[in-house]
N, C-alpha and C. Protein backbone atom coordinates (compact mmCIF):
# COMPACT_ATOMS: atom_id res chain seq x y z
N UNK A 1 18.48 -1.69 6.09
CA UNK A 1 17.10 -1.33 5.82
C UNK A 1 16.97 -0.91 4.35
N UNK A 2 15.79 -1.15 3.82
CA UNK A 2 15.48 -0.70 2.47
C UNK A 2 14.12 -0.01 2.49
N UNK A 3 13.88 0.80 1.49
CA UNK A 3 12.65 1.57 1.41
C UNK A 3 11.69 0.91 0.43
N UNK A 4 10.41 0.86 0.80
CA UNK A 4 9.36 0.33 -0.07
C UNK A 4 8.37 1.45 -0.34
N UNK A 5 8.06 1.66 -1.61
CA UNK A 5 7.06 2.64 -2.01
C UNK A 5 5.73 1.91 -2.16
N UNK A 6 4.72 2.37 -1.44
CA UNK A 6 3.38 1.80 -1.54
C UNK A 6 2.52 2.83 -2.26
N UNK A 7 1.92 2.42 -3.38
CA UNK A 7 1.09 3.32 -4.16
C UNK A 7 -0.37 2.88 -4.03
N UNK A 8 -1.17 3.73 -3.41
CA UNK A 8 -2.60 3.48 -3.29
C UNK A 8 -3.23 3.98 -4.59
N UNK A 9 -3.87 3.08 -5.32
CA UNK A 9 -4.36 3.40 -6.65
C UNK A 9 -5.88 3.56 -6.67
N UNK A 10 -6.58 2.72 -7.38
CA UNK A 10 -8.01 2.87 -7.63
C UNK A 10 -8.89 2.39 -6.47
N UNK A 11 -10.08 3.02 -6.38
CA UNK A 11 -11.12 2.53 -5.49
C UNK A 11 -11.23 3.20 -4.14
N UNK A 12 -10.34 4.12 -3.81
CA UNK A 12 -10.37 4.75 -2.50
C UNK A 12 -11.30 5.97 -2.52
N UNK A 13 -12.09 6.14 -1.44
CA UNK A 13 -13.02 7.25 -1.35
C UNK A 13 -13.16 7.67 0.11
N UNK A 14 -12.38 8.65 0.51
CA UNK A 14 -12.35 9.16 1.90
C UNK A 14 -12.09 8.05 2.90
N UNK A 15 -11.15 7.18 2.59
CA UNK A 15 -10.84 6.02 3.43
C UNK A 15 -9.67 6.26 4.36
N UNK A 16 -9.66 5.53 5.46
CA UNK A 16 -8.53 5.51 6.39
C UNK A 16 -7.73 4.24 6.10
N UNK A 17 -6.42 4.40 5.91
CA UNK A 17 -5.55 3.29 5.52
C UNK A 17 -4.42 3.15 6.54
N UNK A 18 -4.19 1.92 6.97
CA UNK A 18 -3.12 1.63 7.91
C UNK A 18 -2.18 0.61 7.27
N UNK A 19 -0.87 0.86 7.35
CA UNK A 19 0.14 -0.03 6.78
C UNK A 19 0.97 -0.61 7.92
N UNK A 20 1.19 -1.92 7.87
CA UNK A 20 2.04 -2.58 8.86
C UNK A 20 3.20 -3.28 8.16
N UNK A 21 4.30 -3.38 8.86
CA UNK A 21 5.45 -4.15 8.39
C UNK A 21 5.76 -5.15 9.49
N UNK A 22 5.69 -6.43 9.14
CA UNK A 22 5.88 -7.51 10.11
C UNK A 22 4.98 -7.31 11.34
N UNK A 23 3.73 -6.97 11.07
CA UNK A 23 2.66 -6.83 12.08
C UNK A 23 2.84 -5.64 13.02
N UNK A 24 3.70 -4.69 12.67
CA UNK A 24 3.86 -3.46 13.47
C UNK A 24 3.45 -2.27 12.61
N UNK A 25 2.68 -1.34 13.20
CA UNK A 25 2.22 -0.19 12.44
C UNK A 25 3.40 0.62 11.91
N UNK A 26 3.36 0.91 10.60
CA UNK A 26 4.43 1.66 9.96
C UNK A 26 3.93 3.01 9.44
N UNK A 27 2.62 3.10 9.13
CA UNK A 27 2.08 4.35 8.59
C UNK A 27 0.57 4.33 8.70
N UNK A 28 -0.01 5.49 8.92
CA UNK A 28 -1.47 5.64 8.95
C UNK A 28 -1.83 6.87 8.12
N UNK A 29 -2.72 6.70 7.19
CA UNK A 29 -3.14 7.78 6.29
C UNK A 29 -4.65 7.94 6.41
N UNK A 30 -5.12 9.17 6.60
CA UNK A 30 -6.55 9.43 6.75
C UNK A 30 -7.11 10.11 5.49
N UNK A 31 -8.41 9.88 5.28
CA UNK A 31 -9.17 10.55 4.22
C UNK A 31 -8.50 10.40 2.84
N UNK A 32 -8.22 9.16 2.47
CA UNK A 32 -7.56 8.85 1.19
C UNK A 32 -8.62 8.68 0.11
N UNK A 33 -8.48 9.42 -0.98
CA UNK A 33 -9.40 9.32 -2.12
C UNK A 33 -8.61 9.24 -3.42
N UNK A 34 -9.06 8.39 -4.33
CA UNK A 34 -8.42 8.26 -5.63
C UNK A 34 -8.71 9.49 -6.48
N UNK A 35 -7.67 10.05 -7.05
CA UNK A 35 -7.82 11.15 -8.01
C UNK A 35 -7.97 10.49 -9.38
N UNK A 36 -9.16 10.59 -9.92
CA UNK A 36 -9.51 9.86 -11.14
C UNK A 36 -8.58 10.17 -12.32
N UNK A 37 -8.15 11.41 -12.45
CA UNK A 37 -7.27 11.77 -13.57
C UNK A 37 -5.92 11.06 -13.49
N UNK A 38 -5.47 10.77 -12.27
CA UNK A 38 -4.18 10.10 -12.08
C UNK A 38 -4.32 8.60 -11.86
N UNK A 39 -5.50 8.17 -11.39
CA UNK A 39 -5.67 6.76 -11.02
C UNK A 39 -4.85 6.44 -9.79
N UNK A 40 -4.69 7.45 -8.92
CA UNK A 40 -3.86 7.29 -7.73
C UNK A 40 -4.47 8.07 -6.56
N UNK A 41 -4.32 7.52 -5.36
CA UNK A 41 -4.82 8.18 -4.16
C UNK A 41 -3.67 8.74 -3.33
N UNK A 42 -2.59 7.97 -3.15
CA UNK A 42 -1.48 8.42 -2.31
C UNK A 42 -0.26 7.55 -2.55
N UNK A 43 0.89 8.11 -2.20
CA UNK A 43 2.16 7.36 -2.17
C UNK A 43 2.65 7.35 -0.73
N UNK A 44 3.04 6.19 -0.26
CA UNK A 44 3.52 6.03 1.11
C UNK A 44 4.87 5.33 1.04
N UNK A 45 5.81 5.81 1.81
CA UNK A 45 7.13 5.19 1.85
C UNK A 45 7.35 4.60 3.25
N UNK A 46 7.74 3.33 3.30
CA UNK A 46 8.02 2.67 4.58
C UNK A 46 9.37 1.98 4.51
N UNK A 47 9.99 1.83 5.66
CA UNK A 47 11.27 1.12 5.75
C UNK A 47 11.02 -0.37 5.99
N UNK A 48 11.77 -1.20 5.28
CA UNK A 48 11.70 -2.65 5.45
C UNK A 48 13.00 -3.16 6.05
N UNK A 49 12.94 -4.19 6.88
CA UNK A 49 14.18 -4.79 7.36
C UNK A 49 14.94 -5.45 6.21
N UNK A 50 16.20 -5.71 6.42
CA UNK A 50 17.05 -6.26 5.36
C UNK A 50 16.56 -7.62 4.86
N UNK A 51 16.01 -8.44 5.75
CA UNK A 51 15.53 -9.76 5.34
C UNK A 51 14.05 -9.67 4.98
N UNK A 52 13.45 -10.76 4.56
CA UNK A 52 12.07 -10.80 4.11
C UNK A 52 11.09 -10.11 5.06
N UNK A 53 10.03 -9.56 4.49
CA UNK A 53 9.03 -8.82 5.26
C UNK A 53 7.63 -9.19 4.82
N UNK A 54 6.69 -9.02 5.73
CA UNK A 54 5.28 -9.12 5.39
C UNK A 54 4.69 -7.73 5.57
N UNK A 55 4.12 -7.21 4.48
CA UNK A 55 3.50 -5.88 4.51
C UNK A 55 2.00 -6.08 4.50
N UNK A 56 1.34 -5.45 5.46
CA UNK A 56 -0.11 -5.51 5.55
C UNK A 56 -0.72 -4.15 5.28
N UNK A 57 -1.87 -4.15 4.62
CA UNK A 57 -2.60 -2.92 4.36
C UNK A 57 -4.03 -3.15 4.83
N UNK A 58 -4.54 -2.22 5.62
CA UNK A 58 -5.91 -2.32 6.11
C UNK A 58 -6.63 -1.01 5.80
N UNK A 59 -7.79 -1.14 5.17
CA UNK A 59 -8.66 0.01 4.95
C UNK A 59 -9.68 -0.07 6.08
N UNK A 60 -9.37 0.61 7.18
CA UNK A 60 -10.18 0.48 8.40
C UNK A 60 -11.60 0.98 8.21
N UNK A 61 -11.78 1.97 7.36
CA UNK A 61 -13.11 2.53 7.13
C UNK A 61 -14.05 1.56 6.41
N UNK A 62 -13.49 0.52 5.77
CA UNK A 62 -14.31 -0.47 5.05
C UNK A 62 -14.13 -1.89 5.58
N UNK A 63 -13.29 -2.03 6.60
CA UNK A 63 -13.00 -3.35 7.16
C UNK A 63 -12.42 -4.31 6.12
N UNK A 64 -11.50 -3.77 5.29
CA UNK A 64 -10.79 -4.58 4.31
C UNK A 64 -9.34 -4.70 4.72
N UNK A 65 -8.75 -5.86 4.52
CA UNK A 65 -7.32 -6.00 4.81
C UNK A 65 -6.72 -7.08 3.92
N UNK A 66 -5.42 -6.93 3.68
CA UNK A 66 -4.67 -7.91 2.90
C UNK A 66 -3.21 -7.76 3.28
N UNK A 67 -2.45 -8.82 3.06
CA UNK A 67 -1.01 -8.75 3.32
C UNK A 67 -0.27 -9.50 2.23
N UNK A 68 1.00 -9.15 2.10
CA UNK A 68 1.84 -9.78 1.08
C UNK A 68 3.22 -9.99 1.66
N UNK A 69 3.71 -11.21 1.52
CA UNK A 69 5.08 -11.52 1.94
C UNK A 69 6.01 -11.14 0.79
N UNK A 70 6.97 -10.29 1.09
CA UNK A 70 7.90 -9.82 0.08
C UNK A 70 9.23 -10.54 0.23
N UNK A 71 9.78 -10.97 -0.88
CA UNK A 71 11.07 -11.66 -0.90
C UNK A 71 12.05 -10.81 -1.69
N UNK A 72 13.29 -10.87 -1.34
CA UNK A 72 14.29 -10.11 -2.09
C UNK A 72 14.15 -8.63 -1.84
N UNK A 73 14.47 -7.84 -2.85
CA UNK A 73 14.47 -6.38 -2.71
C UNK A 73 13.28 -5.77 -3.45
N UNK A 74 12.11 -5.93 -2.89
CA UNK A 74 10.91 -5.33 -3.48
C UNK A 74 11.05 -3.81 -3.44
N UNK A 75 10.63 -3.15 -4.50
CA UNK A 75 10.74 -1.70 -4.57
C UNK A 75 9.40 -1.00 -4.45
N UNK A 76 8.32 -1.69 -4.86
CA UNK A 76 7.03 -1.02 -4.94
C UNK A 76 5.90 -2.02 -4.69
N UNK A 77 4.85 -1.56 -4.00
CA UNK A 77 3.66 -2.36 -3.78
C UNK A 77 2.46 -1.53 -4.24
N UNK A 78 1.68 -2.09 -5.17
CA UNK A 78 0.52 -1.41 -5.72
C UNK A 78 -0.72 -1.92 -5.00
N UNK A 79 -1.55 -0.99 -4.51
CA UNK A 79 -2.72 -1.35 -3.71
C UNK A 79 -3.96 -0.73 -4.34
N UNK A 80 -4.99 -1.53 -4.55
CA UNK A 80 -6.25 -0.99 -5.07
C UNK A 80 -7.42 -1.76 -4.47
N UNK A 81 -8.59 -1.14 -4.54
CA UNK A 81 -9.82 -1.79 -4.12
C UNK A 81 -10.57 -2.14 -5.40
N UNK A 82 -10.77 -3.46 -5.59
CA UNK A 82 -11.41 -3.95 -6.81
C UNK A 82 -12.54 -4.89 -6.44
N UNK A 83 -13.74 -4.59 -6.89
CA UNK A 83 -14.92 -5.43 -6.60
C UNK A 83 -15.07 -5.72 -5.11
N UNK A 84 -14.85 -4.69 -4.29
CA UNK A 84 -15.03 -4.82 -2.85
C UNK A 84 -13.91 -5.55 -2.13
N UNK A 85 -12.81 -5.84 -2.81
CA UNK A 85 -11.67 -6.53 -2.20
C UNK A 85 -10.41 -5.69 -2.31
N UNK A 86 -9.54 -5.82 -1.33
CA UNK A 86 -8.26 -5.13 -1.33
C UNK A 86 -7.25 -6.01 -2.07
N UNK A 87 -6.63 -5.45 -3.10
CA UNK A 87 -5.70 -6.21 -3.96
C UNK A 87 -4.31 -5.60 -3.84
N UNK A 88 -3.31 -6.44 -3.53
CA UNK A 88 -1.92 -6.02 -3.44
C UNK A 88 -1.12 -6.70 -4.54
N UNK A 89 -0.34 -5.89 -5.28
CA UNK A 89 0.52 -6.42 -6.34
C UNK A 89 1.91 -5.84 -6.18
N UNK A 90 2.89 -6.69 -6.37
CA UNK A 90 4.27 -6.19 -6.33
C UNK A 90 4.58 -5.49 -7.65
N UNK A 91 5.13 -4.28 -7.55
CA UNK A 91 5.47 -3.49 -8.73
C UNK A 91 6.95 -3.55 -9.03
N UNK A 92 7.33 -2.83 -10.08
CA UNK A 92 8.72 -2.82 -10.51
C UNK A 92 9.52 -1.67 -9.91
N UNK A 93 8.81 -0.66 -9.38
CA UNK A 93 9.49 0.52 -8.88
C UNK A 93 9.44 1.67 -9.86
N UNK A 94 8.96 1.41 -11.05
CA UNK A 94 8.85 2.45 -12.07
C UNK A 94 7.45 3.06 -12.13
N UNK A 95 6.57 2.66 -11.22
CA UNK A 95 5.19 3.11 -11.25
C UNK A 95 4.97 4.44 -10.55
N UNK A 96 5.99 5.05 -9.99
CA UNK A 96 5.82 6.28 -9.20
C UNK A 96 5.17 7.39 -10.03
N UNK A 97 4.35 8.16 -9.35
CA UNK A 97 3.66 9.29 -9.97
C UNK A 97 4.33 10.58 -9.54
N UNK A 98 4.15 11.62 -10.31
CA UNK A 98 4.70 12.93 -9.95
C UNK A 98 3.68 13.71 -9.17
């Protein structure tokens, strides 16, 4: 198993967020809001199986969802709401906030 850091960034405002790994619920976060000074809403850590995974993120409060198939040893997934759409980007792992 490996750990994936999911960073919820811009666009969140009292939202409910659900994360799935290979279509199974891995984490649920309630009342997520972006802190403007940081440009971040939350950090979530999930376990990934050793082989390839599909990570899904759903903002249930807005009926937005997106998924990304990860290959190799992904370390970080950046998630933001941009122009009414949920955007997932693979990060380098150096994006963590304090």
